[in-house]
Amino acid sequence: MPVHQRSPPVQQIIEGRYVEREKLMALLKEAFGEGRFVVRLQLNRWILSVPKLLTEEQIDSCCSLQ
């Protein structure tokens, strides 16, 4: 039986100025599933370890200006 391997996570950095934490977490859970990503806020930047990069449209949907 073939073993399915997951791709290693990629790192994505998002400026945190207008990103709402709740919206970002909901997006990540919907896009990747619980436990398949790591998020931390450092120096007003969201640092993500995710299976694949988020699109600009996805990031924009997490902004408080939306």
PDB file of N, CA and C in Angstrom:
ATOM      1  N   MET A   1       0.828  -1.168   0.000  1.00  0.00           N
ATOM      2  CA  MET A   1       0.000   0.000   0.000  1.00  0.00           C
ATOM      3  C   MET A   1       0.883   1.246   0.000  1.00  0.00           C
ATOM      4  N   PRO A   2       0.618   2.219  -0.886  1.00  0.00           N
ATOM      5  CA  PRO A   2       1.461   3.417  -0.907  1.00  0.00           C
ATOM      6  C   PRO A   2       1.229   4.271   0.339  1.00  0.00           C
ATOM      7  N   VAL A   3       2.297   4.886   0.784  1.00  0.00           N
ATOM      8  CA  VAL A   3       2.219   5.785   1.932  1.00  0.00           C
ATOM      9  C   VAL A   3       2.116   7.204   1.395  1.00  0.00           C
ATOM     10  N   HIS A   4       1.077   7.913   1.824  1.00  0.00           N
ATOM     11  CA  HIS A   4       0.896   9.298   1.383  1.00  0.00           C
ATOM     12  C   HIS A   4       1.655  10.215   2.335  1.00  0.00           C
ATOM     13  N   GLN A   5       2.592  10.950   1.766  1.00  0.00           N
ATOM     14  CA  GLN A   5       3.371  11.870   2.576  1.00  0.00           C
ATOM     15  C   GLN A   5       2.844  13.281   2.378  1.00  0.00           C
ATOM     16  N   ARG A   6       2.814  14.020   3.459  1.00  0.00           N
ATOM     17  CA  ARG A   6       2.424  15.422   3.384  1.00  0.00           C
ATOM     18  C   ARG A   6       3.648  16.244   3.020  1.00  0.00           C
ATOM     19  N   SER A   7       3.416  17.301   2.275  1.00  0.00           N
ATOM     20  CA  SER A   7       4.502  18.223   1.975  1.00  0.00           C
ATOM     21  C   SER A   7       4.903  18.927   3.262  1.00  0.00           C
ATOM     22  N   PRO A   8       6.176  19.264   3.389  1.00  0.00           N
ATOM     23  CA  PRO A   8       6.576  20.008   4.582  1.00  0.00           C
ATOM     24  C   PRO A   8       5.896  21.376   4.585  1.00  0.00           C
ATOM     25  N   PRO A   9       5.630  21.919   5.762  1.00  0.00           N
ATOM     26  CA  PRO A   9       4.963  23.222   5.812  1.00  0.00           C
ATOM     27  C   PRO A   9       5.848  24.319   5.243  1.00  0.00           C
ATOM     28  N   VAL A  10       5.197  25.350   4.739  1.00  0.00           N
ATOM     29  CA  VAL A  10       5.897  26.534   4.255  1.00  0.00           C
ATOM     30  C   VAL A  10       5.636  27.659   5.244  1.00  0.00           C
ATOM     31  N   GLN A  11       6.557  28.600   5.292  1.00  0.00           N
ATOM     32  CA  GLN A  11       6.385  29.739   6.187  1.00  0.00           C
ATOM     33  C   GLN A  11       5.856  30.922   5.392  1.00  0.00           C
ATOM     34  N   GLN A  12       4.867  31.594   5.966  1.00  0.00           N
ATOM     35  CA  GLN A  12       4.299  32.788   5.349  1.00  0.00           C
ATOM     36  C   GLN A  12       4.219  33.862   6.423  1.00  0.00           C
ATOM     37  N   ILE A  13       4.640  35.066   6.078  1.00  0.00           N
ATOM     38  CA  ILE A  13       4.613  36.183   7.024  1.00  0.00           C
ATOM     39  C   ILE A  13       3.622  37.218   6.507  1.00  0.00           C
ATOM     40  N   ILE A  14       2.712  37.612   7.388  1.00  0.00           N
ATOM     41  CA  ILE A  14       1.667  38.570   7.029  1.00  0.00           C
ATOM     42  C   ILE A  14       1.771  39.750   7.984  1.00  0.00           C
ATOM     43  N   GLU A  15       1.782  40.961   7.447  1.00  0.00           N
ATOM     44  CA  GLU A  15       1.767  42.149   8.295  1.00  0.00           C
ATOM     45  C   GLU A  15       0.507  42.115   9.147  1.00  0.00           C
ATOM     46  N   GLY A  16       0.656  42.295  10.451  1.00  0.00           N
ATOM     47  CA  GLY A  16      -0.449  42.107  11.372  1.00  0.00           C
ATOM     48  C   GLY A  16      -1.287  43.328  11.661  1.00  0.00           C
ATOM     49  N   ARG A  17      -0.984  44.430  11.046  1.00  0.00           N
ATOM     50  CA  ARG A  17      -1.616  45.694  11.408  1.00  0.00           C
ATOM     51  C   ARG A  17      -3.135  45.647  11.386  1.00  0.00           C
ATOM     52  N   TYR A  18      -3.720  45.108  10.324  1.00  0.00           N
ATOM     53  CA  TYR A  18      -5.174  45.112  10.203  1.00  0.00           C
ATOM     54  C   TYR A  18      -5.795  43.716  10.247  1.00  0.00           C
ATOM     55  N   VAL A  19      -4.988  42.692  10.439  1.00  0.00           N
ATOM     56  CA  VAL A  19      -5.504  41.322  10.436  1.00  0.00           C
ATOM     57  C   VAL A  19      -6.184  41.028  11.777  1.00  0.00           C
ATOM     58  N   GLU A  20      -7.405  40.514  11.704  1.00  0.00           N
ATOM     59  CA  GLU A  20      -8.133  40.126  12.909  1.00  0.00           C
ATOM     60  C   GLU A  20      -7.829  38.665  13.229  1.00  0.00           C
ATOM     61  N   ARG A  21      -7.377  38.434  14.445  1.00  0.00           N
ATOM     62  CA  ARG A  21      -6.967  37.092  14.870  1.00  0.00           C
ATOM     63  C   ARG A  21      -8.075  36.068  14.665  1.00  0.00           C
ATOM     64  N   GLU A  22      -9.295  36.400  15.065  1.00  0.00           N
ATOM     65  CA  GLU A  22     -10.405  35.449  14.971  1.00  0.00           C
ATOM     66  C   GLU A  22     -10.673  35.052  13.520  1.00  0.00           C
ATOM     67  N   LYS A  23     -10.640  36.028  12.627  1.00  0.00           N
ATOM     68  CA  LYS A  23     -10.873  35.745  11.202  1.00  0.00           C
ATOM     69  C   LYS A  23      -9.750  34.890  10.630  1.00  0.00           C
ATOM     70  N   LEU A  24      -8.513  35.195  11.012  1.00  0.00           N
ATOM     71  CA  LEU A  24      -7.370  34.427  10.521  1.00  0.00           C
ATOM     72  C   LEU A  24      -7.450  32.977  10.995  1.00  0.00           C
ATOM     73  N   MET A  25      -7.745  32.776  12.267  1.00  0.00           N
ATOM     74  CA  MET A  25      -7.828  31.414  12.801  1.00  0.00           C
ATOM     75  C   MET A  25      -8.955  30.627  12.140  1.00  0.00           C
ATOM     76  N   ALA A  26     -10.098  31.262  11.923  1.00  0.00           N
ATOM     77  CA  ALA A  26     -11.222  30.583  11.261  1.00  0.00           C
ATOM     78  C   ALA A  26     -10.845  30.193   9.838  1.00  0.00           C
ATOM     79  N   LEU A  27     -10.163  31.084   9.128  1.00  0.00           N
ATOM     80  CA  LEU A  27      -9.727  30.792   7.758  1.00  0.00           C
ATOM     81  C   LEU A  27      -8.763  29.609   7.735  1.00  0.00           C
ATOM     82  N   LEU A  28      -7.781  29.613   8.625  1.00  0.00           N
ATOM     83  CA  LEU A  28      -6.791  28.540   8.659  1.00  0.00           C
ATOM     84  C   LEU A  28      -7.430  27.195   8.991  1.00  0.00           C
ATOM     85  N   LYS A  29      -8.357  27.183   9.941  1.00  0.00           N
ATOM     86  CA  LYS A  29      -9.050  25.932  10.288  1.00  0.00           C
ATOM     87  C   LYS A  29      -9.871  25.420   9.115  1.00  0.00           C
ATOM     88  N   GLU A  30     -10.538  26.336   8.414  1.00  0.00           N
ATOM     89  CA  GLU A  30     -11.346  25.936   7.254  1.00  0.00           C
ATOM     90  C   GLU A  30     -10.468  25.449   6.103  1.00  0.00           C
ATOM     91  N   ALA A  31      -9.364  26.151   5.859  1.00  0.00           N
ATOM     92  CA  ALA A  31      -8.506  25.834   4.718  1.00  0.00           C
ATOM     93  C   ALA A  31      -7.669  24.571   4.935  1.00  0.00           C
ATOM     94  N   PHE A  32      -7.160  24.369   6.160  1.00  0.00           N
ATOM     95  CA  PHE A  32      -6.186  23.304   6.382  1.00  0.00           C
ATOM     96  C   PHE A  32      -6.606  22.253   7.402  1.00  0.00           C
ATOM     97  N   GLY A  33      -7.579  22.562   8.234  1.00  0.00           N
ATOM     98  CA  GLY A  33      -7.993  21.624   9.272  1.00  0.00           C
ATOM     99  C   GLY A  33      -7.265  21.870  10.584  1.00  0.00           C
ATOM    100  N   GLU A  34      -7.926  21.509  11.648  1.00  0.00           N
ATOM    101  CA  GLU A  34      -7.379  21.681  12.995  1.00  0.00           C
ATOM    102  C   GLU A  34      -6.037  20.955  13.132  1.00  0.00           C
ATOM    103  N   GLY A  35      -5.045  21.658  13.685  1.00  0.00           N
ATOM    104  CA  GLY A  35      -3.758  21.033  13.961  1.00  0.00           C
ATOM    105  C   GLY A  35      -2.810  20.916  12.778  1.00  0.00           C
ATOM    106  N   ARG A  36      -3.180  21.474  11.627  1.00  0.00           N
ATOM    107  CA  ARG A  36      -2.318  21.357  10.445  1.00  0.00           C
ATOM    108  C   ARG A  36      -1.589  22.658  10.136  1.00  0.00           C
ATOM    109  N   PHE A  37      -1.564  23.572  11.101  1.00  0.00           N
ATOM    110  CA  PHE A  37      -0.875  24.847  10.914  1.00  0.00           C
ATOM    111  C   PHE A  37      -0.392  25.345  12.274  1.00  0.00           C
ATOM    112  N   VAL A  38       0.587  26.245  12.231  1.00  0.00           N
ATOM    113  CA  VAL A  38       1.104  26.886  13.443  1.00  0.00           C
ATOM    114  C   VAL A  38       1.092  28.381  13.188  1.00  0.00           C
ATOM    115  N   VAL A  39       0.646  29.140  14.187  1.00  0.00           N
ATOM    116  CA  VAL A  39       0.538  30.594  14.051  1.00  0.00           C
ATOM    117  C   VAL A  39       1.189  31.251  15.255  1.00  0.00           C
ATOM    118  N   ARG A  40       1.943  32.312  15.005  1.00  0.00           N
ATOM    119  CA  ARG A  40       2.423  33.128  16.120  1.00  0.00           C
ATOM    120  C   ARG A  40       2.499  34.582  15.661  1.00  0.00           C
ATOM    121  N   LEU A  41       2.332  35.476  16.604  1.00  0.00           N
ATOM    122  CA  LEU A  41       2.415  36.909  16.339  1.00  0.00           C
ATOM    123  C   LEU A  41       3.720  37.403  16.936  1.00  0.00           C
ATOM    124  N   GLN A  42       4.546  38.008  16.085  1.00  0.00           N
ATOM    125  CA  GLN A  42       5.848  38.495  16.533  1.00  0.00           C
ATOM    126  C   GLN A  42       6.116  39.830  15.867  1.00  0.00           C
ATOM    127  N   LEU A  43       6.351  40.850  16.675  1.00  0.00           N
ATOM    128  CA  LEU A  43       6.656  42.192  16.167  1.00  0.00           C
ATOM    129  C   LEU A  43       5.604  42.662  15.161  1.00  0.00           C
ATOM    130  N   ASN A  44       4.335  42.454  15.518  1.00  0.00           N
ATOM    131  CA  ASN A  44       3.191  42.865  14.702  1.00  0.00           C
ATOM    132  C   ASN A  44       3.160  42.201  13.325  1.00  0.00           C
ATOM    133  N   ARG A  45       3.690  40.990  13.248  1.00  0.00           N
ATOM    134  CA  ARG A  45       3.616  40.187  12.020  1.00  0.00           C
ATOM    135  C   ARG A  45       3.102  38.809  12.400  1.00  0.00           C
ATOM    136  N   TRP A  46       2.172  38.297  11.603  1.00  0.00           N
ATOM    137  CA  TRP A  46       1.701  36.926  11.779  1.00  0.00           C
ATOM    138  C   TRP A  46       2.669  36.012  11.052  1.00  0.00           C
ATOM    139  N   ILE A  47       3.227  35.061  11.750  1.00  0.00           N
ATOM    140  CA  ILE A  47       4.141  34.092  11.154  1.00  0.00           C
ATOM    141  C   ILE A  47       3.409  32.757  11.134  1.00  0.00           C
ATOM    142  N   LEU A  48       3.170  32.262   9.937  1.00  0.00           N
ATOM    143  CA  LEU A  48       2.392  31.048   9.742  1.00  0.00           C
ATOM    144  C   LEU A  48       3.279  29.927   9.226  1.00  0.00           C
ATOM    145  N   SER A  49       3.065  28.732   9.721  1.00  0.00           N
ATOM    146  CA  SER A  49       3.612  27.513   9.117  1.00  0.00           C
ATOM    147  C   SER A  49       2.399  26.748   8.627  1.00  0.00           C
ATOM    148  N   VAL A  50       2.253  26.690   7.308  1.00  0.00           N
ATOM    149  CA  VAL A  50       1.034  26.163   6.691  1.00  0.00           C
ATOM    150  C   VAL A  50       1.379  25.193   5.565  1.00  0.00           C
ATOM    151  N   PRO A  51       0.435  24.300   5.207  1.00  0.00           N
ATOM    152  CA  PRO A  51       0.694  23.365   4.109  1.00  0.00           C
ATOM    153  C   PRO A  51       0.937  24.052   2.766  1.00  0.00           C
ATOM    154  N   LYS A  52       0.256  25.185   2.528  1.00  0.00           N
ATOM    155  CA  LYS A  52       0.499  25.967   1.311  1.00  0.00           C
ATOM    156  C   LYS A  52       0.185  27.423   1.605  1.00  0.00           C
ATOM    157  N   LEU A  53       0.755  28.309   0.817  1.00  0.00           N
ATOM    158  CA  LEU A  53       0.595  29.740   1.050  1.00  0.00           C
ATOM    159  C   LEU A  53      -0.852  30.174   0.864  1.00  0.00           C
ATOM    160  N   LEU A  54      -1.269  31.120   1.701  1.00  0.00           N
ATOM    161  CA  LEU A  54      -2.580  31.732   1.529  1.00  0.00           C
ATOM    162  C   LEU A  54      -2.520  32.707   0.360  1.00  0.00           C
ATOM    163  N   THR A  55      -3.641  32.892  -0.314  1.00  0.00           N
ATOM    164  CA  THR A  55      -3.712  33.859  -1.407  1.00  0.00           C
ATOM    165  C   THR A  55      -3.951  35.256  -0.831  1.00  0.00           C
ATOM    166  N   GLU A  56      -3.707  36.266  -1.638  1.00  0.00           N
ATOM    167  CA  GLU A  56      -3.987  37.645  -1.227  1.00  0.00           C
ATOM    168  C   GLU A  56      -5.466  37.804  -0.882  1.00  0.00           C
ATOM    169  N   GLU A  57      -6.318  37.160  -1.666  1.00  0.00           N
ATOM    170  CA  GLU A  57      -7.762  37.232  -1.415  1.00  0.00           C
ATOM    171  C   GLU A  57      -8.100  36.644  -0.042  1.00  0.00           C
ATOM    172  N   GLN A  58      -7.503  35.517   0.297  1.00  0.00           N
ATOM    173  CA  GLN A  58      -7.743  34.908   1.608  1.00  0.00           C
ATOM    174  C   GLN A  58      -7.255  35.824   2.728  1.00  0.00           C
ATOM    175  N   ILE A  59      -6.083  36.393   2.558  1.00  0.00           N
ATOM    176  CA  ILE A  59      -5.533  37.297   3.574  1.00  0.00           C
ATOM    177  C   ILE A  59      -6.422  38.521   3.726  1.00  0.00           C
ATOM    178  N   ASP A  60      -6.851  39.088   2.609  1.00  0.00           N
ATOM    179  CA  ASP A  60      -7.719  40.266   2.653  1.00  0.00           C
ATOM    180  C   ASP A  60      -9.016  39.985   3.399  1.00  0.00           C
ATOM    181  N   SER A  61      -9.507  38.749   3.319  1.00  0.00           N
ATOM    182  CA  SER A  61     -10.760  38.409   3.997  1.00  0.00           C
ATOM    183  C   SER A  61     -10.607  38.426   5.520  1.00  0.00           C
ATOM    184  N   CYS A  62      -9.382  38.466   6.010  1.00  0.00           N
ATOM    185  CA  CYS A  62      -9.116  38.487   7.455  1.00  0.00           C
ATOM    186  C   CYS A  62      -8.867  39.894   7.988  1.00  0.00           C
ATOM    187  N   CYS A  63      -8.894  40.866   7.110  1.00  0.00           N
ATOM    188  CA  CYS A  63      -8.573  42.230   7.521  1.00  0.00           C
ATOM    189  C   CYS A  63      -9.780  42.923   8.140  1.00  0.00           C
ATOM    190  N   SER A  64      -9.509  43.776   9.108  1.00  0.00           N
ATOM    191  CA  SER A  64     -10.569  44.511   9.791  1.00  0.00           C
ATOM    192  C   SER A  64     -11.198  45.564   8.889  1.00  0.00           C
ATOM    193  N   LEU A  65     -10.578  45.851   7.766  1.00  0.00           N
ATOM    194  CA  LEU A  65     -11.116  46.847   6.838  1.00  0.00           C
ATOM    195  C   LEU A  65     -12.176  46.259   5.926  1.00  0.00           C
ATOM    196  N   GLN A  66     -12.400  44.943   6.005  1.00  0.00           N
ATOM    197  CA  GLN A  66     -13.385  44.273   5.149  1.00  0.00           C
ATOM    198  C   GLN A  66     -14.772  44.434   5.707  1.00  0.00           C
TER     199      GLN A  66
END
